[in-house]
Amino acid sequence: MWQKKVMRAAMAVVAATALTACSAGASNSADAGGSEVGADTLTVALTGEPVNLDFTTTAGAAIPQALMTNVYEGLVQIDQDGQIQPLLARSWEVSADGTVYTFDLQPGVTFSNGEAFTAADVKFSIERVQSDAWRSSLKAQMDVVESVTPLSDTRVEVRLARPSHAWLFAMGTLVGAMFDPAGVDDLANEPIGTGPFTVADWARGQAITLAARDDYWGRAPGVRTVVLRYFADAVATTNALRAGDADVVYNMQAPELLQTFEDDDAFQVLEGTSNGEVMLSMNNRAAPFDDVRVRRAVMHAIDRQAVVDTAWDGHGTLIGAAVPPTDPYYEDLTGVYPYDPDKARALLAEAGHPDGLDVTFTVPTRPYATAVSEIVVSQLAEAGIRATIESAEFPAVWLDQVFTRHDYQMSVILAVEARDFLTMFDNPDYYIGYDAARIAPLAAAADAAVGEDQYVRGMREVVRTVTEDAAADPLFLFPTLVVAKADITGIPANSVTEALDLTDIAWAA
């Protein structure tokens, strides 16, 4: 339960940022050509630095967190309530059969290298996602696109192979980022986008400095320079805030320290929602988790509320499936696998493990993962599952070993991509290794269904099927916890996509 002080602050910020987002297309258009850039510098403390700056080839949340919306933009954007709003496309039309989208683009938009943004760049960007140049598993969200045809410099037609409820939303995430064909040679080090900031400096292991563009096509950001400082642990971020070396701690990883800031008028504390599910991952292709009975045993062995209370100081939401309440097909499935260690032991015995079993638990070096793993190991032991923790440096080692090579039995990770349920489960090559044969036709039918109601009904069937198969255990929905100096405005309280939108953050007048 949120404390009233936190809730009031969070709702105020959500309302302010949602209003800004909803009017983005109109206000940006009106301000095309750019206005005077705001003054001052803001330092944001984060944990988990990106290994490079190319999210088209490298997995992980840190890259799009820093660059999407700030450096790269899409035709549309997702606002604080999870709704689609105009951005580089000021408007669009959809054909009666739902297969043809015609976008009218904002005029006068340029990339940070001075090149004009045109319909040809939309064609290049979408087709590049479909090519081998993109290696992110999220690229599958663009498979439905059949053709992209520029009708003029500021008008473009996108034809889908079939109607898709999911596609336009995906265009507001990182797969919808617009690129300059002349600026993709070194994305790992030199990102070039249409956004309000450029990467002015990257001190590896320390900070990324974003500088506001004087030639930005839309409304100028609230500060001229934003420094994203990366710290090794959560305590270091809060120490930096108190010492004046940081102005904002975003997505705070030490929830037990919130109370000290709530009682201090020099700071503000915001708690919002996110689309990030803390996933207890089981390798469906490797023993013992290739047996659904063992996976179900794990589900019954975990007291998820106790996990939230112990590991994250009670902050977080139980969801029952890897679908946040902001998604249209969310339904409460928290009662499917109630905490029942006796049931877990019975399932293990049925699967041929009457004396329990031993597993390796590969845990990334992230604060939430460390905290979660300790209580999970304790709970599993009560049900006869003896889990040995194996630490994996994040991001480099975990991404290589678990995500890429699938060399693990059990792990835990925060899955932050927007509407990523099908990315995780309708893809047998994903690291979870779920056999998608049962849901693939259901998912395809739902996406192509006529009407939102049919789409929601179909996707709920997909989600229930995956839940029945106990493919993974969504322990809880991760909260967005922010601590900042009291005189800062425009902080986004909710994390509805991977992006940390810095455009509205400013010092109070």
Foldseek 3Di string as FASTA:
>chain_A
DDDPQQVVVQVVLLVVQLVCQQCQLVQFLVQFQEDDAAADEAEEEEAAADPFQDCQEDDDLRNQAAPEQAFWFFQWAQTLLRDIHGHQFSDWDADPQQFKIKTFGRPRFDKPVGHHQFLVQQQVLLVCLVDPVGDDLLSVLSVQWDHKAGPDRGMIMTGGPFHFPCNSSCLNFPSRTTDDPVQDPCSRYFDMHRHQWGFPDDDPPFWTKIAGDRRRGGYHFFYGIYIYTYDHALVVSVVCCVVVVHFKHWQRLQQVCVVVQVVDQQKHKHKAFALKFWWWFFQCVDPPNVDLLLLLLLLQLDDLQVLCCQLPVRDFADQLFSGDPSDPLGDRNNPVRHRDLVSSLVSCVVSPCNQAEEFEEEEEPYSSRVSSVVVSQVSVVSSRYHYDYDYAYPPPRCCVQQFPVLPGGIYIDIDHAAPCRCSQAVDCNGSLNHDNPVCVVLQVCLRNDPDPVSVSVSVNVSRVVCSVSSSIGRSGGRMIMMMGGNQWGNANRYHNHSYRNRRHIHGHD
